[in-house]
Amino acid sequence: MNETEKKVQNPHDKFFKDTFSNPLVVRDFIENYLPESILKLVDLNELEIQNSSHVDEELNEVFSDMLFRTKINQKDGYLYFLFEHKSYPDRMVALQLLTYMVRIWNEKVNRKTDTHIAVIIPIVICHGETKWKIGSMFSDLILNFDTLPEEIGQMIPNFNYQLYDLSQFSDEDIRGNAELIIALSVARDIFKKSGEEFLETIFKAARALAELDEKKTGIQYFETCMRYILTSGPKLTKEQLTTVIKQLAVTYKEGSEVTMTLAEVLREEGKKEGIEEGKKELAIGLAINRLTKRFGIMPSEYREKINTLDLNSLEMLNYEIDDFNSLDDVRKFLGF
């Protein structure tokens, strides 16, 4: 499994990747949101997605990224999108950006033939619950940077990034074609609105997608949005979900069918997850009880490690306990 495949298991990540993998949506975003002074230097006809991620694995749950190659000022360059999924601003996002940009340069440069590195335009899109009050300059991370002597300041890397805080976008601020407007609206509302308030977001998306000339594209994207809403948005009550299905049956029949199917699929997935979780809890309890009975009180770090094991490992542990002669055998099994 490559890095991209690992990351799309996160619903926020999957939603953004499904949306921004469409070059027309990316172009639409760039045309509507990049400052004119930057936009006029970017060749939108040369956009090419790069199939790699530069986000650290432990940060997959809170960051997603996408990289696009193009011409910037008539030279090879890159647009780097970093999507921040936290419900609160991350002060160290500039440090993350610098880390990932260096990785891109190291990955793309040919040390034998290249004499320069390419321009990278860093773009951060966040959609938390609170306003982003963090400066968008790397130097903002350094205490009293402005008071440092010029000689020191010149030795510290510094850059600015384009920041789009969706939590502060009004409906009028969200511009572009249907898919982009829907994506930004859903992303903005996912942390902010209650289930009842979110119904109007769903109905707006349905109305816009129902009017697309390419019906198949509209249905597919509505499914993407609804899966994201149902897995990551505010919990919709049974009555609210029924309201969505009934209203869409009149205004967007295909959307109603998608919603019914998704709701059933997710319900079944939830049942399976509940069963798996129940089996895991039983296996954890059984393992700890058997080990305690065999070797006495278990060290707390052993208990904590056992709680992190997956179901297969727990079943193997319970199978092998009778063959353990001491706590040292337990330690080896747990990988201490």
C-alpha atoms as a PDB file:
ATOM      1  CA  MET A   1       0.000   0.000   0.000  1.00  0.00           C
ATOM      2  CA  ASN A   2       1.522   3.371  -1.027  1.00  0.00           C
ATOM      3  CA  GLU A   3       1.286   6.591   0.962  1.00  0.00           C
ATOM      4  CA  THR A   4      -1.727   7.891  -0.953  1.00  0.00           C
ATOM      5  CA  GLU A   5      -3.662   4.647  -0.389  1.00  0.00           C
ATOM      6  CA  LYS A   6      -2.875   4.744   3.324  1.00  0.00           C
ATOM      7  CA  LYS A   7      -4.116   8.275   3.719  1.00  0.00           C
ATOM      8  CA  VAL A   8      -7.441   8.043   1.934  1.00  0.00           C
ATOM      9  CA  GLN A   9      -8.717   5.914   4.828  1.00  0.00           C
ATOM     10  CA  ASN A  10      -9.210   9.246   6.659  1.00  0.00           C
ATOM     11  CA  PRO A  11     -12.634  10.653   5.573  1.00  0.00           C
ATOM     12  CA  HIS A  12     -11.393  14.281   5.571  1.00  0.00           C
ATOM     13  CA  ASP A  13      -8.435  13.252   3.445  1.00  0.00           C
ATOM     14  CA  LYS A  14     -10.595  11.192   1.088  1.00  0.00           C
ATOM     15  CA  PHE A  15     -13.062  14.036   0.584  1.00  0.00           C
ATOM     16  CA  PHE A  16     -10.357  16.562  -0.289  1.00  0.00           C
ATOM     17  CA  LYS A  17      -8.492  14.145  -2.523  1.00  0.00           C
ATOM     18  CA  ASP A  18     -11.634  13.068  -4.364  1.00  0.00           C
ATOM     19  CA  THR A  19     -12.433  16.746  -4.935  1.00  0.00           C
ATOM     20  CA  PHE A  20      -9.015  18.147  -5.799  1.00  0.00           C
ATOM     21  CA  SER A  21      -7.983  15.181  -7.940  1.00  0.00           C
ATOM     22  CA  ASN A  22     -10.218  16.753 -10.559  1.00  0.00           C
ATOM     23  CA  PRO A  23      -7.943  19.204 -12.439  1.00  0.00           C
ATOM     24  CA  LEU A  24     -10.969  21.343 -13.359  1.00  0.00           C
ATOM     25  CA  VAL A  25     -11.729  21.898  -9.650  1.00  0.00           C
ATOM     26  CA  VAL A  26      -8.083  22.768  -8.925  1.00  0.00           C
ATOM     27  CA  ARG A  27      -8.002  25.190 -11.839  1.00  0.00           C
ATOM     28  CA  ASP A  28     -11.288  26.698 -10.640  1.00  0.00           C
ATOM     29  CA  PHE A  29      -9.843  27.211  -7.144  1.00  0.00           C
ATOM     30  CA  ILE A  30      -6.656  28.802  -8.465  1.00  0.00           C
ATOM     31  CA  GLU A  31      -8.554  31.159 -10.768  1.00  0.00           C
ATOM     32  CA  ASN A  32     -10.904  32.277  -8.006  1.00  0.00           C
ATOM     33  CA  TYR A  33      -8.601  32.518  -5.007  1.00  0.00           C
ATOM     34  CA  LEU A  34      -4.964  33.129  -5.917  1.00  0.00           C
ATOM     35  CA  PRO A  35      -4.028  36.832  -5.916  1.00  0.00           C
ATOM     36  CA  GLU A  36      -3.953  38.295  -9.414  1.00  0.00           C
ATOM     37  CA  SER A  37      -0.235  39.085  -9.125  1.00  0.00           C
ATOM     38  CA  ILE A  38       0.472  35.362  -8.626  1.00  0.00           C
ATOM     39  CA  LEU A  39      -2.250  34.043 -10.922  1.00  0.00           C
ATOM     40  CA  LYS A  40      -0.876  35.801 -13.996  1.00  0.00           C
ATOM     41  CA  LEU A  41       2.422  33.902 -13.575  1.00  0.00           C
ATOM     42  CA  VAL A  42       0.812  30.443 -13.284  1.00  0.00           C
ATOM     43  CA  ASP A  43       0.143  28.454 -16.455  1.00  0.00           C
ATOM     44  CA  LEU A  44      -3.224  26.796 -15.786  1.00  0.00           C
ATOM     45  CA  ASN A  45      -2.975  24.726 -18.970  1.00  0.00           C
ATOM     46  CA  GLU A  46       0.073  22.860 -17.634  1.00  0.00           C
ATOM     47  CA  LEU A  47      -1.421  21.599 -14.343  1.00  0.00           C
ATOM     48  CA  GLU A  48      -0.347  18.025 -13.671  1.00  0.00           C
ATOM     49  CA  ILE A  49      -1.074  16.157 -10.426  1.00  0.00           C
ATOM     50  CA  GLN A  50       1.883  14.493  -8.690  1.00  0.00           C
ATOM     51  CA  ASN A  51       0.923  11.167  -7.099  1.00  0.00           C
ATOM     52  CA  SER A  52       2.808  11.367  -3.837  1.00  0.00           C
ATOM     53  CA  SER A  53       2.256  12.627  -0.309  1.00  0.00           C
ATOM     54  CA  HIS A  54       4.809  14.398   1.851  1.00  0.00           C
ATOM     55  CA  VAL A  55       2.886  14.455   5.148  1.00  0.00           C
ATOM     56  CA  ASP A  56       4.364  12.497   8.063  1.00  0.00           C
ATOM     57  CA  GLU A  57       2.434   9.288   8.715  1.00  0.00           C
ATOM     58  CA  GLU A  58       1.607  10.260  12.302  1.00  0.00           C
ATOM     59  CA  LEU A  59      -0.057  13.456  11.019  1.00  0.00           C
ATOM     60  CA  ASN A  60      -2.300  11.741   8.443  1.00  0.00           C
ATOM     61  CA  GLU A  61      -5.379  12.330  10.588  1.00  0.00           C
ATOM     62  CA  VAL A  62      -4.934  16.118  10.664  1.00  0.00           C
ATOM     63  CA  PHE A  63      -3.222  16.975   7.378  1.00  0.00           C
ATOM     64  CA  SER A  64      -3.693  16.040   3.723  1.00  0.00           C
ATOM     65  CA  ASP A  65      -1.655  17.328   0.827  1.00  0.00           C
ATOM     66  CA  MET A  66      -1.633  17.468  -2.948  1.00  0.00           C
ATOM     67  CA  LEU A  67       1.109  18.617  -5.285  1.00  0.00           C
ATOM     68  CA  PHE A  68       0.666  19.952  -8.818  1.00  0.00           C
ATOM     69  CA  ARG A  69       3.382  20.629 -11.350  1.00  0.00           C
ATOM     70  CA  THR A  70       2.966  23.517 -13.755  1.00  0.00           C
ATOM     71  CA  LYS A  71       4.820  26.468 -15.279  1.00  0.00           C
ATOM     72  CA  ILE A  72       5.357  29.432 -12.970  1.00  0.00           C
ATOM     73  CA  ASN A  73       6.876  32.486 -14.591  1.00  0.00           C
ATOM     74  CA  GLN A  74       7.530  30.228 -17.634  1.00  0.00           C
ATOM     75  CA  LYS A  75       9.684  27.831 -15.607  1.00  0.00           C
ATOM     76  CA  ASP A  76       8.875  24.454 -14.024  1.00  0.00           C
ATOM     77  CA  GLY A  77       7.248  25.007 -10.652  1.00  0.00           C
ATOM     78  CA  TYR A  78       4.775  23.540  -8.172  1.00  0.00           C
ATOM     79  CA  LEU A  79       1.570  24.391  -6.351  1.00  0.00           C
ATOM     80  CA  TYR A  80       1.519  22.627  -2.974  1.00  0.00           C
ATOM     81  CA  PHE A  81      -1.856  22.315  -1.212  1.00  0.00           C
ATOM     82  CA  LEU A  82      -1.902  21.454   2.486  1.00  0.00           C
ATOM     83  CA  PHE A  83      -5.348  20.738   3.925  1.00  0.00           C
ATOM     84  CA  GLU A  84      -5.632  21.137   7.705  1.00  0.00           C
ATOM     85  CA  HIS A  85      -8.396  19.051   9.283  1.00  0.00           C
ATOM     86  CA  LYS A  86      -7.997  19.989  12.937  1.00  0.00           C
ATOM     87  CA  SER A  87     -10.912  21.668  14.683  1.00  0.00           C
ATOM     88  CA  TYR A  88      -8.428  24.257  15.980  1.00  0.00           C
ATOM     89  CA  PRO A  89      -5.529  26.148  14.313  1.00  0.00           C
ATOM     90  CA  ASP A  90      -2.075  24.544  14.360  1.00  0.00           C
ATOM     91  CA  ARG A  91       0.534  27.162  15.140  1.00  0.00           C
ATOM     92  CA  MET A  92       3.298  24.993  13.670  1.00  0.00           C
ATOM     93  CA  VAL A  93       1.755  24.680  10.206  1.00  0.00           C
ATOM     94  CA  ALA A  94       4.511  26.896   8.729  1.00  0.00           C
ATOM     95  CA  LEU A  95       7.120  24.476  10.096  1.00  0.00           C
ATOM     96  CA  GLN A  96       5.205  21.560   8.547  1.00  0.00           C
ATOM     97  CA  LEU A  97       5.113  23.406   5.229  1.00  0.00           C
ATOM     98  CA  LEU A  98       8.848  24.075   5.265  1.00  0.00           C
ATOM     99  CA  THR A  99       9.514  20.393   6.027  1.00  0.00           C
ATOM    100  CA  TYR A 100       7.319  19.226   3.157  1.00  0.00           C
ATOM    101  CA  MET A 101       8.670  21.803   0.708  1.00  0.00           C
ATOM    102  CA  VAL A 102      12.226  20.672   1.421  1.00  0.00           C
ATOM    103  CA  ARG A 103      11.125  17.082   0.802  1.00  0.00           C
ATOM    104  CA  ILE A 104       9.640  18.115  -2.543  1.00  0.00           C
ATOM    105  CA  TRP A 105      12.824  19.912  -3.570  1.00  0.00           C
ATOM    106  CA  ASN A 106      14.953  16.927  -2.579  1.00  0.00           C
ATOM    107  CA  GLU A 107      12.633  14.579  -4.464  1.00  0.00           C
ATOM    108  CA  LYS A 108      12.447  16.656  -7.635  1.00  0.00           C
ATOM    109  CA  VAL A 109      15.963  18.040  -7.999  1.00  0.00           C
ATOM    110  CA  ASN A 110      18.550  16.245 -10.112  1.00  0.00           C
ATOM    111  CA  ARG A 111      21.762  16.882  -8.229  1.00  0.00           C
ATOM    112  CA  LYS A 112      23.904  15.965 -11.205  1.00  0.00           C
ATOM    113  CA  THR A 113      22.334  18.254 -13.797  1.00  0.00           C
ATOM    114  CA  ASP A 114      20.195  20.891 -12.037  1.00  0.00           C
ATOM    115  CA  THR A 115      21.716  24.186 -10.980  1.00  0.00           C
ATOM    116  CA  HIS A 116      18.543  25.606  -9.368  1.00  0.00           C
ATOM    117  CA  ILE A 117      15.436  24.407  -7.550  1.00  0.00           C
ATOM    118  CA  ALA A 118      11.860  25.051  -8.672  1.00  0.00           C
ATOM    119  CA  VAL A 119       9.437  27.613  -7.283  1.00  0.00           C
ATOM    120  CA  ILE A 120       6.871  26.128  -4.866  1.00  0.00           C
ATOM    121  CA  ILE A 121       3.740  28.134  -4.024  1.00  0.00           C
ATOM    122  CA  PRO A 122       2.450  26.860  -0.635  1.00  0.00           C
ATOM    123  CA  ILE A 123      -1.324  26.978  -0.107  1.00  0.00           C
ATOM    124  CA  VAL A 124      -3.039  26.114   3.197  1.00  0.00           C
ATOM    125  CA  ILE A 125      -6.788  25.400   3.374  1.00  0.00           C
ATOM    126  CA  CYS A 126      -8.189  24.956   6.881  1.00  0.00           C
ATOM    127  CA  HIS A 127     -11.733  24.440   8.126  1.00  0.00           C
ATOM    128  CA  GLY A 128     -11.668  24.375  11.901  1.00  0.00           C
ATOM    129  CA  GLU A 129     -14.238  25.576  14.419  1.00  0.00           C
ATOM    130  CA  THR A 130     -12.310  28.706  15.404  1.00  0.00           C
ATOM    131  CA  LYS A 131     -10.818  31.615  13.478  1.00  0.00           C
ATOM    132  CA  TRP A 132      -7.218  31.239  12.329  1.00  0.00           C
ATOM    133  CA  LYS A 133      -5.356  33.918  14.291  1.00  0.00           C
ATOM    134  CA  ILE A 134      -1.879  32.689  13.434  1.00  0.00           C
ATOM    135  CA  GLY A 135       0.375  34.713  11.156  1.00  0.00           C
ATOM    136  CA  SER A 136       1.167  33.237   7.745  1.00  0.00           C
ATOM    137  CA  MET A 137       4.885  34.056   7.859  1.00  0.00           C
ATOM    138  CA  PHE A 138       7.407  31.422   8.925  1.00  0.00           C
ATOM    139  CA  SER A 139       9.172  34.083  11.016  1.00  0.00           C
ATOM    140  CA  ASP A 140       6.019  34.382  13.173  1.00  0.00           C
ATOM    141  CA  LEU A 141       7.148  31.147  14.842  1.00  0.00           C
ATOM    142  CA  ILE A 142      10.338  32.763  16.114  1.00  0.00           C
ATOM    143  CA  LEU A 143       9.898  34.823  19.263  1.00  0.00           C
ATOM    144  CA  ASN A 144      10.794  38.498  18.749  1.00  0.00           C
ATOM    145  CA  PHE A 145      12.042  37.853  15.207  1.00  0.00           C
ATOM    146  CA  ASP A 146      11.598  41.543  14.330  1.00  0.00           C
ATOM    147  CA  THR A 147      13.971  42.598  17.126  1.00  0.00           C
ATOM    148  CA  LEU A 148      16.822  40.341  15.987  1.00  0.00           C
ATOM    149  CA  PRO A 149      19.867  41.982  14.403  1.00  0.00           C
ATOM    150  CA  GLU A 150      19.716  41.933  10.603  1.00  0.00           C
ATOM    151  CA  GLU A 151      22.756  39.651  10.492  1.00  0.00           C
ATOM    152  CA  ILE A 152      20.852  36.950  12.397  1.00  0.00           C
ATOM    153  CA  GLY A 153      17.581  37.473  10.537  1.00  0.00           C
ATOM    154  CA  GLN A 154      19.359  36.883   7.227  1.00  0.00           C
ATOM    155  CA  MET A 155      20.418  33.420   8.421  1.00  0.00           C
ATOM    156  CA  ILE A 156      16.875  32.269   9.201  1.00  0.00           C
ATOM    157  CA  PRO A 157      14.657  30.913   6.376  1.00  0.00           C
ATOM    158  CA  ASN A 158      11.464  32.904   5.950  1.00  0.00           C
ATOM    159  CA  PHE A 159       8.469  32.663   3.638  1.00  0.00           C
ATOM    160  CA  ASN A 160       4.775  33.479   3.415  1.00  0.00           C
ATOM    161  CA  TYR A 161       2.018  31.036   2.470  1.00  0.00           C
ATOM    162  CA  GLN A 162      -1.453  31.540   1.000  1.00  0.00           C
ATOM    163  CA  LEU A 163      -4.003  30.869   3.736  1.00  0.00           C
ATOM    164  CA  TYR A 164      -7.709  30.139   3.220  1.00  0.00           C
ATOM    165  CA  ASP A 165      -9.622  29.827   6.502  1.00  0.00           C
ATOM    166  CA  LEU A 166     -12.966  28.389   5.401  1.00  0.00           C
ATOM    167  CA  SER A 167     -14.479  28.924   8.861  1.00  0.00           C
ATOM    168  CA  GLN A 168     -14.546  32.664   8.067  1.00  0.00           C
ATOM    169  CA  PHE A 169     -16.010  32.338   4.554  1.00  0.00           C
ATOM    170  CA  SER A 170     -19.558  33.578   4.031  1.00  0.00           C
ATOM    171  CA  ASP A 171     -21.710  32.099   1.263  1.00  0.00           C
ATOM    172  CA  GLU A 172     -20.776  35.140  -0.849  1.00  0.00           C
ATOM    173  CA  ASP A 173     -17.053  34.500  -0.277  1.00  0.00           C
ATOM    174  CA  ILE A 174     -17.301  31.002  -1.755  1.00  0.00           C
ATOM    175  CA  ARG A 175     -16.847  31.322  -5.503  1.00  0.00           C
ATOM    176  CA  GLY A 176     -16.364  28.994  -8.462  1.00  0.00           C
ATOM    177  CA  ASN A 177     -18.262  26.303 -10.307  1.00  0.00           C
ATOM    178  CA  ALA A 178     -20.685  23.863  -8.663  1.00  0.00           C
ATOM    179  CA  GLU A 179     -18.218  21.227  -7.443  1.00  0.00           C
ATOM    180  CA  LEU A 180     -15.835  23.742  -5.892  1.00  0.00           C
ATOM    181  CA  ILE A 181     -18.610  25.745  -4.229  1.00  0.00           C
ATOM    182  CA  ILE A 182     -20.092  22.558  -2.775  1.00  0.00           C
ATOM    183  CA  ALA A 183     -16.720  21.236  -1.591  1.00  0.00           C
ATOM    184  CA  LEU A 184     -15.804  24.462   0.197  1.00  0.00           C
ATOM    185  CA  SER A 185     -19.299  24.865   1.669  1.00  0.00           C
ATOM    186  CA  VAL A 186     -19.392  21.313   3.027  1.00  0.00           C
ATOM    187  CA  ALA A 187     -15.838  21.605   4.378  1.00  0.00           C
ATOM    188  CA  ARG A 188     -16.698  24.928   6.033  1.00  0.00           C
ATOM    189  CA  ASP A 189     -19.866  23.583   7.659  1.00  0.00           C
ATOM    190  CA  ILE A 190     -18.627  20.134   8.720  1.00  0.00           C
ATOM    191  CA  PHE A 191     -17.296  21.378  12.092  1.00  0.00           C
ATOM    192  CA  LYS A 192     -19.657  24.312  12.586  1.00  0.00           C
ATOM    193  CA  LYS A 193     -23.252  23.328  11.919  1.00  0.00           C
ATOM    194  CA  SER A 194     -25.731  21.179  13.797  1.00  0.00           C
ATOM    195  CA  GLY A 195     -27.561  18.342  12.083  1.00  0.00           C
ATOM    196  CA  GLU A 196     -30.639  20.517  11.491  1.00  0.00           C
ATOM    197  CA  GLU A 197     -28.545  23.368  10.067  1.00  0.00           C
ATOM    198  CA  PHE A 198     -26.656  20.953   7.816  1.00  0.00           C
ATOM    199  CA  LEU A 199     -29.835  19.950   5.981  1.00  0.00           C
ATOM    200  CA  GLU A 200     -29.762  23.187   3.990  1.00  0.00           C
ATOM    201  CA  THR A 201     -26.112  22.552   3.042  1.00  0.00           C
ATOM    202  CA  ILE A 202     -27.175  19.161   1.674  1.00  0.00           C
ATOM    203  CA  PHE A 203     -30.134  20.601  -0.225  1.00  0.00           C
ATOM    204  CA  LYS A 204     -27.976  23.361  -1.758  1.00  0.00           C
ATOM    205  CA  ALA A 205     -25.464  20.765  -2.926  1.00  0.00           C
ATOM    206  CA  ALA A 206     -28.229  18.641  -4.413  1.00  0.00           C
ATOM    207  CA  ARG A 207     -29.751  21.594  -6.283  1.00  0.00           C
ATOM    208  CA  ALA A 208     -26.411  22.611  -7.761  1.00  0.00           C
ATOM    209  CA  LEU A 209     -25.400  19.090  -8.810  1.00  0.00           C
ATOM    210  CA  ALA A 210     -28.842  18.319 -10.242  1.00  0.00           C
ATOM    211  CA  GLU A 211     -28.285  21.198 -12.700  1.00  0.00           C
ATOM    212  CA  LEU A 212     -24.954  19.903 -14.015  1.00  0.00           C
ATOM    213  CA  ASP A 213     -24.977  18.944 -17.677  1.00  0.00           C
ATOM    214  CA  GLU A 214     -22.928  15.846 -16.881  1.00  0.00           C
ATOM    215  CA  LYS A 215     -25.423  13.951 -14.704  1.00  0.00           C
ATOM    216  CA  LYS A 216     -23.120  11.028 -13.935  1.00  0.00           C
ATOM    217  CA  THR A 217     -20.449  13.382 -12.595  1.00  0.00           C
ATOM    218  CA  GLY A 218     -23.039  15.116 -10.421  1.00  0.00           C
ATOM    219  CA  ILE A 219     -24.289  11.869  -8.902  1.00  0.00           C
ATOM    220  CA  GLN A 220     -20.761  10.616  -8.211  1.00  0.00           C
ATOM    221  CA  TYR A 221     -19.792  13.861  -6.513  1.00  0.00           C
ATOM    222  CA  PHE A 222     -23.021  13.950  -4.488  1.00  0.00           C
ATOM    223  CA  GLU A 223     -22.136  10.472  -3.207  1.00  0.00           C
ATOM    224  CA  THR A 224     -18.665  11.743  -2.248  1.00  0.00           C
ATOM    225  CA  CYS A 225     -20.214  14.639  -0.335  1.00  0.00           C
ATOM    226  CA  MET A 226     -22.861  12.550   1.406  1.00  0.00           C
ATOM    227  CA  ARG A 227     -20.362   9.903   2.487  1.00  0.00           C
ATOM    228  CA  TYR A 228     -18.216  12.667   3.987  1.00  0.00           C
ATOM    229  CA  ILE A 229     -21.200  14.295   5.696  1.00  0.00           C
ATOM    230  CA  LEU A 230     -22.536  11.036   7.127  1.00  0.00           C
ATOM    231  CA  THR A 231     -19.134   9.884   8.414  1.00  0.00           C
ATOM    232  CA  SER A 232     -17.616  13.179   9.607  1.00  0.00           C
ATOM    233  CA  GLY A 233     -20.398  15.719   9.949  1.00  0.00           C
ATOM    234  CA  PRO A 234     -22.926  16.329  12.723  1.00  0.00           C
ATOM    235  CA  LYS A 235     -24.929  13.244  13.618  1.00  0.00           C
ATOM    236  CA  LEU A 236     -28.186  13.300  11.664  1.00  0.00           C
ATOM    237  CA  THR A 237     -31.178  11.909  13.498  1.00  0.00           C
ATOM    238  CA  LYS A 238     -33.342   9.264  11.859  1.00  0.00           C
ATOM    239  CA  GLU A 239     -36.003  11.947  11.303  1.00  0.00           C
ATOM    240  CA  GLN A 240     -33.517  14.359   9.693  1.00  0.00           C
ATOM    241  CA  LEU A 241     -32.196  11.635   7.400  1.00  0.00           C
ATOM    242  CA  THR A 242     -35.780  10.762   6.427  1.00  0.00           C
ATOM    243  CA  THR A 243     -36.414  14.445   5.645  1.00  0.00           C
ATOM    244  CA  VAL A 244     -33.354  14.499   3.354  1.00  0.00           C
ATOM    245  CA  ILE A 245     -34.414  11.347   1.513  1.00  0.00           C
ATOM    246  CA  LYS A 246     -38.025  12.520   1.066  1.00  0.00           C
ATOM    247  CA  GLN A 247     -37.145  16.011  -0.150  1.00  0.00           C
ATOM    248  CA  LEU A 248     -34.486  14.741  -2.530  1.00  0.00           C
ATOM    249  CA  ALA A 249     -36.964  12.226  -3.928  1.00  0.00           C
ATOM    250  CA  VAL A 250     -38.833  15.267  -5.288  1.00  0.00           C
ATOM    251  CA  THR A 251     -35.937  17.556  -6.241  1.00  0.00           C
ATOM    252  CA  TYR A 252     -33.080  15.149  -7.017  1.00  0.00           C
ATOM    253  CA  LYS A 253     -34.227  11.534  -7.240  1.00  0.00           C
ATOM    254  CA  GLU A 254     -30.730  10.142  -7.887  1.00  0.00           C
ATOM    255  CA  GLY A 255     -29.466  11.960  -4.778  1.00  0.00           C
ATOM    256  CA  SER A 256     -32.251  10.432  -2.709  1.00  0.00           C
ATOM    257  CA  GLU A 257     -31.260   6.941  -3.874  1.00  0.00           C
ATOM    258  CA  VAL A 258     -27.585   7.636  -3.121  1.00  0.00           C
ATOM    259  CA  THR A 259     -28.452   8.829   0.392  1.00  0.00           C
ATOM    260  CA  MET A 260     -30.613   5.777   1.156  1.00  0.00           C
ATOM    261  CA  THR A 261     -27.927   3.390  -0.098  1.00  0.00           C
ATOM    262  CA  LEU A 262     -25.124   5.141   1.794  1.00  0.00           C
ATOM    263  CA  ALA A 263     -27.113   5.293   5.015  1.00  0.00           C
ATOM    264  CA  GLU A 264     -27.723   1.541   4.841  1.00  0.00           C
ATOM    265  CA  VAL A 265     -24.106   0.757   3.961  1.00  0.00           C
ATOM    266  CA  LEU A 266     -22.775   2.906   6.800  1.00  0.00           C
ATOM    267  CA  ARG A 267     -25.276   1.378   9.203  1.00  0.00           C
ATOM    268  CA  GLU A 268     -24.033  -2.104   8.327  1.00  0.00           C
ATOM    269  CA  GLU A 269     -20.401  -0.966   8.565  1.00  0.00           C
ATOM    270  CA  GLY A 270     -21.165   0.463  12.004  1.00  0.00           C
ATOM    271  CA  LYS A 271     -22.658  -2.844  13.117  1.00  0.00           C
ATOM    272  CA  LYS A 272     -19.559  -4.733  11.921  1.00  0.00           C
ATOM    273  CA  GLU A 273     -17.240  -2.263  13.656  1.00  0.00           C
ATOM    274  CA  GLY A 274     -19.270  -2.659  16.854  1.00  0.00           C
ATOM    275  CA  ILE A 275     -19.008  -6.434  16.665  1.00  0.00           C
ATOM    276  CA  GLU A 276     -15.251  -6.223  16.011  1.00  0.00           C
ATOM    277  CA  GLU A 277     -14.788  -3.801  18.896  1.00  0.00           C
ATOM    278  CA  GLY A 278     -16.760  -6.112  21.189  1.00  0.00           C
ATOM    279  CA  LYS A 279     -14.600  -9.093  20.216  1.00  0.00           C
ATOM    280  CA  LYS A 280     -11.471  -7.042  20.810  1.00  0.00           C
ATOM    281  CA  GLU A 281     -12.567  -5.940  24.293  1.00  0.00           C
ATOM    282  CA  LEU A 282     -13.327  -9.533  25.225  1.00  0.00           C
ATOM    283  CA  ALA A 283      -9.932 -10.691  23.908  1.00  0.00           C
ATOM    284  CA  ILE A 284      -8.134  -7.941  25.862  1.00  0.00           C
ATOM    285  CA  GLY A 285      -9.930  -8.851  29.070  1.00  0.00           C
ATOM    286  CA  LEU A 286      -9.254 -12.553  28.570  1.00  0.00           C
ATOM    287  CA  ALA A 287      -5.541 -12.010  27.884  1.00  0.00           C
ATOM    288  CA  ILE A 288      -5.002  -9.751  30.916  1.00  0.00           C
ATOM    289  CA  ASN A 289      -6.961 -12.068  33.215  1.00  0.00           C
ATOM    290  CA  ARG A 290      -5.066 -15.173  32.051  1.00  0.00           C
ATOM    291  CA  LEU A 291      -1.669 -13.470  32.299  1.00  0.00           C
ATOM    292  CA  THR A 292      -2.490 -12.095  35.764  1.00  0.00           C
ATOM    293  CA  LYS A 293      -3.585 -15.523  36.958  1.00  0.00           C
ATOM    294  CA  ARG A 294      -0.394 -17.093  35.552  1.00  0.00           C
ATOM    295  CA  PHE A 295       2.253 -14.508  36.520  1.00  0.00           C
ATOM    296  CA  GLY A 296       0.654 -12.236  39.129  1.00  0.00           C
ATOM    297  CA  ILE A 297       0.081  -8.484  38.826  1.00  0.00           C
ATOM    298  CA  MET A 298       0.838  -7.243  35.298  1.00  0.00           C
ATOM    299  CA  PRO A 299       3.056  -4.164  34.842  1.00  0.00           C
ATOM    300  CA  SER A 300       1.003  -1.170  33.659  1.00  0.00           C
ATOM    301  CA  GLU A 301       3.038  -0.815  30.454  1.00  0.00           C
ATOM    302  CA  TYR A 302       2.162  -4.409  29.542  1.00  0.00           C
ATOM    303  CA  ARG A 303      -1.542  -3.681  30.022  1.00  0.00           C
ATOM    304  CA  GLU A 304      -1.277  -0.507  27.917  1.00  0.00           C
ATOM    305  CA  LYS A 305       0.493  -2.397  25.133  1.00  0.00           C
ATOM    306  CA  ILE A 306      -2.096  -5.186  25.145  1.00  0.00           C
ATOM    307  CA  ASN A 307      -4.836  -2.574  24.759  1.00  0.00           C
ATOM    308  CA  THR A 308      -3.234  -1.367  21.511  1.00  0.00           C
ATOM    309  CA  LEU A 309      -3.074  -4.796  19.839  1.00  0.00           C
ATOM    310  CA  ASP A 310      -5.386  -5.617  16.951  1.00  0.00           C
ATOM    311  CA  LEU A 311      -7.791  -8.551  17.160  1.00  0.00           C
ATOM    312  CA  ASN A 312      -5.502 -10.976  15.291  1.00  0.00           C
ATOM    313  CA  SER A 313      -2.579 -10.234  17.621  1.00  0.00           C
ATOM    314  CA  LEU A 314      -4.820 -10.619  20.680  1.00  0.00           C
ATOM    315  CA  GLU A 315      -6.054 -14.003  19.473  1.00  0.00           C
ATOM    316  CA  MET A 316      -2.441 -15.092  18.920  1.00  0.00           C
ATOM    317  CA  LEU A 317      -1.483 -13.856  22.396  1.00  0.00           C
ATOM    318  CA  ASN A 318      -4.307 -15.844  24.006  1.00  0.00           C
ATOM    319  CA  TYR A 319      -3.256 -18.903  21.996  1.00  0.00           C
ATOM    320  CA  GLU A 320       0.381 -18.685  23.145  1.00  0.00           C
ATOM    321  CA  ILE A 321      -0.104 -17.798  26.833  1.00  0.00           C
ATOM    322  CA  ASP A 322       0.045 -21.439  27.950  1.00  0.00           C
ATOM    323  CA  ASP A 323       3.512 -21.721  26.369  1.00  0.00           C
ATOM    324  CA  PHE A 324       4.924 -18.668  28.204  1.00  0.00           C
ATOM    325  CA  ASN A 325       7.254 -19.511  31.095  1.00  0.00           C
ATOM    326  CA  SER A 326       7.774 -16.021  32.496  1.00  0.00           C
ATOM    327  CA  LEU A 327       6.909 -12.358  32.078  1.00  0.00           C
ATOM    328  CA  ASP A 328      10.001 -12.111  29.902  1.00  0.00           C
ATOM    329  CA  ASP A 329       8.184 -14.217  27.290  1.00  0.00           C
ATOM    330  CA  VAL A 330       5.260 -11.789  27.487  1.00  0.00           C
ATOM    331  CA  ARG A 331       7.675  -8.890  27.082  1.00  0.00           C
ATOM    332  CA  LYS A 332       9.192 -10.427  23.961  1.00  0.00           C
ATOM    333  CA  PHE A 333       5.759 -11.087  22.457  1.00  0.00           C
ATOM    334  CA  LEU A 334       4.721  -7.477  23.064  1.00  0.00           C
ATOM    335  CA  GLY A 335       7.921  -6.205  21.479  1.00  0.00           C
ATOM    336  CA  PHE A 336       9.435  -4.359  24.451  1.00  0.00           C
END
